[in-house]
């Protein structure tokens, strides 16, 4: 039988969000304090096909790519930008999201790829550099640049 799907227990979402923020603050050395009301509204309206694991990955991804205090709608992945919210204000916010500068988008993507590769290789620098095909020194420089620590 198992646990009911996350979309069937929206009252759990705020607690899970708080738990995952705390978890990834420790893992990533971040200091995220909260999600904005708009983001919480979107999370509560979202259908969560990946259940709790999807919520965790969304928060982890945002925190990996952004050194912020509050998760806002502009930080959300694309699937939330197309979500129809019950709130007109939230819908307006998601429709008005702007395109990021190329350099910023490239850095976010690069940071995410490096972080995922580090996790996959259990933070082994040599294996990670081979996996993403960059020199070890370059990887170490980028880890420092993006403040990636185990």
C-alpha atoms as a PDB file:
ATOM      1  CA  UNK A   1       0.000   0.000   0.000  1.00  0.00           C
ATOM      2  CA  UNK A   2       2.734   2.499   0.938  1.00  0.00           C
ATOM      3  CA  UNK A   3       2.681   6.187   1.680  1.00  0.00           C
ATOM      4  CA  UNK A   4       0.074   8.392  -0.041  1.00  0.00           C
ATOM      5  CA  UNK A   5       1.443  10.569  -2.836  1.00  0.00           C
ATOM      6  CA  UNK A   6       2.710  14.021  -1.901  1.00  0.00           C
ATOM      7  CA  UNK A   7      -0.060  15.723  -3.903  1.00  0.00           C
ATOM      8  CA  UNK A   8      -2.551  13.994  -1.589  1.00  0.00           C
ATOM      9  CA  UNK A   9      -0.894  15.355   1.569  1.00  0.00           C
ATOM     10  CA  UNK A  10      -0.096  19.027   0.927  1.00  0.00           C
ATOM     11  CA  UNK A  11       0.078  19.660   4.676  1.00  0.00           C
ATOM     12  CA  UNK A  12       3.445  17.807   4.637  1.00  0.00           C
ATOM     13  CA  UNK A  13       5.009  20.107   2.034  1.00  0.00           C
ATOM     14  CA  UNK A  14       5.992  23.010   4.358  1.00  0.00           C
ATOM     15  CA  UNK A  15       7.638  20.588   6.812  1.00  0.00           C
ATOM     16  CA  UNK A  16       9.482  18.767   4.029  1.00  0.00           C
ATOM     17  CA  UNK A  17      10.640  22.058   2.490  1.00  0.00           C
ATOM     18  CA  UNK A  18      12.027  23.147   5.857  1.00  0.00           C
ATOM     19  CA  UNK A  19      13.719  19.763   6.355  1.00  0.00           C
ATOM     20  CA  UNK A  20      15.366  19.772   2.902  1.00  0.00           C
ATOM     21  CA  UNK A  21      16.502  23.395   3.232  1.00  0.00           C
ATOM     22  CA  UNK A  22      18.150  22.532   6.552  1.00  0.00           C
ATOM     23  CA  UNK A  23      19.716  19.387   5.060  1.00  0.00           C
ATOM     24  CA  UNK A  24      21.208  21.151   2.034  1.00  0.00           C
ATOM     25  CA  UNK A  25      22.311  24.186   4.039  1.00  0.00           C
ATOM     26  CA  UNK A  26      24.564  21.747   5.901  1.00  0.00           C
ATOM     27  CA  UNK A  27      25.628  19.726   2.842  1.00  0.00           C
ATOM     28  CA  UNK A  28      26.306  22.729   0.593  1.00  0.00           C
ATOM     29  CA  UNK A  29      27.387  25.284   3.195  1.00  0.00           C
ATOM     30  CA  UNK A  30      24.468  27.556   2.336  1.00  0.00           C
ATOM     31  CA  UNK A  31      22.297  29.812   4.481  1.00  0.00           C
ATOM     32  CA  UNK A  32      18.875  29.597   2.832  1.00  0.00           C
ATOM     33  CA  UNK A  33      16.276  30.631   5.382  1.00  0.00           C
ATOM     34  CA  UNK A  34      12.964  30.060   3.589  1.00  0.00           C
ATOM     35  CA  UNK A  35      10.964  29.890   0.398  1.00  0.00           C
ATOM     36  CA  UNK A  36       8.856  32.871  -0.613  1.00  0.00           C
ATOM     37  CA  UNK A  37       5.077  32.716  -0.224  1.00  0.00           C
ATOM     38  CA  UNK A  38       4.764  32.505  -4.024  1.00  0.00           C
ATOM     39  CA  UNK A  39       7.053  29.468  -4.125  1.00  0.00           C
ATOM     40  CA  UNK A  40       5.164  27.771  -1.291  1.00  0.00           C
ATOM     41  CA  UNK A  41       1.887  28.417  -3.147  1.00  0.00           C
ATOM     42  CA  UNK A  42       3.375  26.838  -6.281  1.00  0.00           C
ATOM     43  CA  UNK A  43       4.681  23.874  -4.282  1.00  0.00           C
ATOM     44  CA  UNK A  44       1.217  23.377  -2.730  1.00  0.00           C
ATOM     45  CA  UNK A  45      -0.490  23.553  -6.158  1.00  0.00           C
ATOM     46  CA  UNK A  46       2.026  21.341  -7.975  1.00  0.00           C
ATOM     47  CA  UNK A  47       1.085  17.689  -8.742  1.00  0.00           C
ATOM     48  CA  UNK A  48       4.516  16.211  -7.688  1.00  0.00           C
ATOM     49  CA  UNK A  49       4.816  13.269 -10.110  1.00  0.00           C
ATOM     50  CA  UNK A  50       8.155  12.355  -8.517  1.00  0.00           C
ATOM     51  CA  UNK A  51       6.667  12.552  -5.013  1.00  0.00           C
ATOM     52  CA  UNK A  52       8.914  13.533  -2.050  1.00  0.00           C
ATOM     53  CA  UNK A  53      12.094  12.722  -3.979  1.00  0.00           C
ATOM     54  CA  UNK A  54      11.165  15.300  -6.630  1.00  0.00           C
ATOM     55  CA  UNK A  55      10.629  17.970  -3.972  1.00  0.00           C
ATOM     56  CA  UNK A  56      14.033  17.154  -2.489  1.00  0.00           C
ATOM     57  CA  UNK A  57      15.742  17.340  -5.893  1.00  0.00           C
ATOM     58  CA  UNK A  58      14.076  20.675  -6.692  1.00  0.00           C
ATOM     59  CA  UNK A  59      15.327  22.211  -3.439  1.00  0.00           C
ATOM     60  CA  UNK A  60      18.782  20.630  -3.774  1.00  0.00           C
ATOM     61  CA  UNK A  61      19.112  21.895  -7.353  1.00  0.00           C
ATOM     62  CA  UNK A  62      18.103  25.441  -6.457  1.00  0.00           C
ATOM     63  CA  UNK A  63      20.464  25.532  -3.497  1.00  0.00           C
ATOM     64  CA  UNK A  64      23.302  24.051  -5.553  1.00  0.00           C
ATOM     65  CA  UNK A  65      22.962  26.742  -8.201  1.00  0.00           C
ATOM     66  CA  UNK A  66      22.122  29.763  -6.058  1.00  0.00           C
ATOM     67  CA  UNK A  67      23.749  31.281  -2.971  1.00  0.00           C
ATOM     68  CA  UNK A  68      20.596  32.971  -1.626  1.00  0.00           C
ATOM     69  CA  UNK A  69      18.650  33.497   1.595  1.00  0.00           C
ATOM     70  CA  UNK A  70      15.192  33.014   0.098  1.00  0.00           C
ATOM     71  CA  UNK A  71      14.082  30.692  -2.680  1.00  0.00           C
ATOM     72  CA  UNK A  72      11.931  32.740  -5.045  1.00  0.00           C
ATOM     73  CA  UNK A  73       9.877  31.822  -8.101  1.00  0.00           C
ATOM     74  CA  UNK A  74      12.705  32.954 -10.409  1.00  0.00           C
ATOM     75  CA  UNK A  75      14.876  30.143  -8.970  1.00  0.00           C
ATOM     76  CA  UNK A  76      12.395  27.377  -9.796  1.00  0.00           C
ATOM     77  CA  UNK A  77      12.964  24.855 -12.590  1.00  0.00           C
ATOM     78  CA  UNK A  78      11.020  25.110 -15.838  1.00  0.00           C
ATOM     79  CA  UNK A  79       8.208  22.740 -14.832  1.00  0.00           C
ATOM     80  CA  UNK A  80       7.015  25.315 -12.280  1.00  0.00           C
ATOM     81  CA  UNK A  81       7.052  28.149 -14.777  1.00  0.00           C
ATOM     82  CA  UNK A  82       4.267  26.374 -16.662  1.00  0.00           C
ATOM     83  CA  UNK A  83       2.229  25.443 -13.570  1.00  0.00           C
ATOM     84  CA  UNK A  84      -1.229  26.902 -13.433  1.00  0.00           C
ATOM     85  CA  UNK A  85      -1.577  28.308  -9.953  1.00  0.00           C
ATOM     86  CA  UNK A  86      -4.813  29.001  -8.114  1.00  0.00           C
ATOM     87  CA  UNK A  87      -3.437  32.428  -7.313  1.00  0.00           C
ATOM     88  CA  UNK A  88      -3.533  35.166  -9.950  1.00  0.00           C
ATOM     89  CA  UNK A  89      -0.560  36.895  -8.330  1.00  0.00           C
ATOM     90  CA  UNK A  90       1.511  33.722  -8.492  1.00  0.00           C
ATOM     91  CA  UNK A  91       0.460  33.078 -12.091  1.00  0.00           C
ATOM     92  CA  UNK A  92       1.502  36.630 -12.979  1.00  0.00           C
ATOM     93  CA  UNK A  93       4.898  36.130 -11.340  1.00  0.00           C
ATOM     94  CA  UNK A  94       5.580  32.901 -13.223  1.00  0.00           C
ATOM     95  CA  UNK A  95       4.626  34.501 -16.532  1.00  0.00           C
ATOM     96  CA  UNK A  96       6.952  37.467 -16.014  1.00  0.00           C
ATOM     97  CA  UNK A  97      10.154  35.493 -15.405  1.00  0.00           C
ATOM     98  CA  UNK A  98      13.009  36.938 -17.408  1.00  0.00           C
ATOM     99  CA  UNK A  99      15.822  35.226 -19.260  1.00  0.00           C
ATOM    100  CA  UNK A 100      19.115  35.136 -17.365  1.00  0.00           C
ATOM    101  CA  UNK A 101      22.328  36.555 -18.798  1.00  0.00           C
ATOM    102  CA  UNK A 102      24.223  33.850 -20.708  1.00  0.00           C
ATOM    103  CA  UNK A 103      27.270  33.939 -18.420  1.00  0.00           C
ATOM    104  CA  UNK A 104      25.074  33.400 -15.345  1.00  0.00           C
ATOM    105  CA  UNK A 105      23.163  30.545 -17.005  1.00  0.00           C
ATOM    106  CA  UNK A 106      26.409  28.876 -18.139  1.00  0.00           C
ATOM    107  CA  UNK A 107      27.921  29.161 -14.642  1.00  0.00           C
ATOM    108  CA  UNK A 108      24.796  27.684 -13.052  1.00  0.00           C
ATOM    109  CA  UNK A 109      24.847  24.794 -15.510  1.00  0.00           C
ATOM    110  CA  UNK A 110      28.566  24.218 -15.023  1.00  0.00           C
ATOM    111  CA  UNK A 111      28.198  24.266 -11.234  1.00  0.00           C
ATOM    112  CA  UNK A 112      25.321  21.807 -11.402  1.00  0.00           C
ATOM    113  CA  UNK A 113      27.220  19.385 -13.675  1.00  0.00           C
ATOM    114  CA  UNK A 114      30.295  19.486 -11.445  1.00  0.00           C
ATOM    115  CA  UNK A 115      28.220  18.989  -8.294  1.00  0.00           C
ATOM    116  CA  UNK A 116      26.314  16.020  -9.759  1.00  0.00           C
ATOM    117  CA  UNK A 117      29.569  14.448 -11.011  1.00  0.00           C
ATOM    118  CA  UNK A 118      31.183  14.905  -7.591  1.00  0.00           C
ATOM    119  CA  UNK A 119      28.227  13.197  -5.943  1.00  0.00           C
ATOM    120  CA  UNK A 120      28.324  10.355  -8.469  1.00  0.00           C
ATOM    121  CA  UNK A 121      32.031   9.715  -7.825  1.00  0.00           C
ATOM    122  CA  UNK A 122      31.706  10.130  -4.056  1.00  0.00           C
ATOM    123  CA  UNK A 123      33.718  13.370  -4.301  1.00  0.00           C
ATOM    124  CA  UNK A 124      36.754  11.694  -5.866  1.00  0.00           C
ATOM    125  CA  UNK A 125      38.557  14.509  -7.728  1.00  0.00           C
ATOM    126  CA  UNK A 126      40.387  12.264 -10.197  1.00  0.00           C
ATOM    127  CA  UNK A 127      37.283  10.259 -11.120  1.00  0.00           C
ATOM    128  CA  UNK A 128      35.178  13.414 -11.367  1.00  0.00           C
ATOM    129  CA  UNK A 129      37.680  15.146 -13.653  1.00  0.00           C
ATOM    130  CA  UNK A 130      37.745  12.048 -15.879  1.00  0.00           C
ATOM    131  CA  UNK A 131      33.946  11.797 -15.879  1.00  0.00           C
ATOM    132  CA  UNK A 132      33.414  15.390 -17.024  1.00  0.00           C
ATOM    133  CA  UNK A 133      36.630  15.395 -19.079  1.00  0.00           C
ATOM    134  CA  UNK A 134      38.440  18.367 -17.595  1.00  0.00           C
ATOM    135  CA  UNK A 135      41.890  18.519 -15.956  1.00  0.00           C
ATOM    136  CA  UNK A 136      42.034  17.927 -12.193  1.00  0.00           C
ATOM    137  CA  UNK A 137      43.445  21.417 -11.627  1.00  0.00           C
ATOM    138  CA  UNK A 138      40.558  22.969 -13.554  1.00  0.00           C
ATOM    139  CA  UNK A 139      38.075  20.957 -11.515  1.00  0.00           C
ATOM    140  CA  UNK A 140      39.702  22.054  -8.260  1.00  0.00           C
ATOM    141  CA  UNK A 141      39.661  25.685  -9.397  1.00  0.00           C
ATOM    142  CA  UNK A 142      35.970  25.463 -10.321  1.00  0.00           C
ATOM    143  CA  UNK A 143      35.106  23.725  -7.045  1.00  0.00           C
ATOM    144  CA  UNK A 144      36.695  26.622  -5.190  1.00  0.00           C
ATOM    145  CA  UNK A 145      35.036  29.180  -7.479  1.00  0.00           C
ATOM    146  CA  UNK A 146      31.588  27.651  -6.913  1.00  0.00           C
ATOM    147  CA  UNK A 147      32.254  26.869  -3.225  1.00  0.00           C
ATOM    148  CA  UNK A 148      31.566  23.178  -3.693  1.00  0.00           C
ATOM    149  CA  UNK A 149      32.463  21.246  -0.577  1.00  0.00           C
ATOM    150  CA  UNK A 150      31.449  17.859   0.642  1.00  0.00           C
END
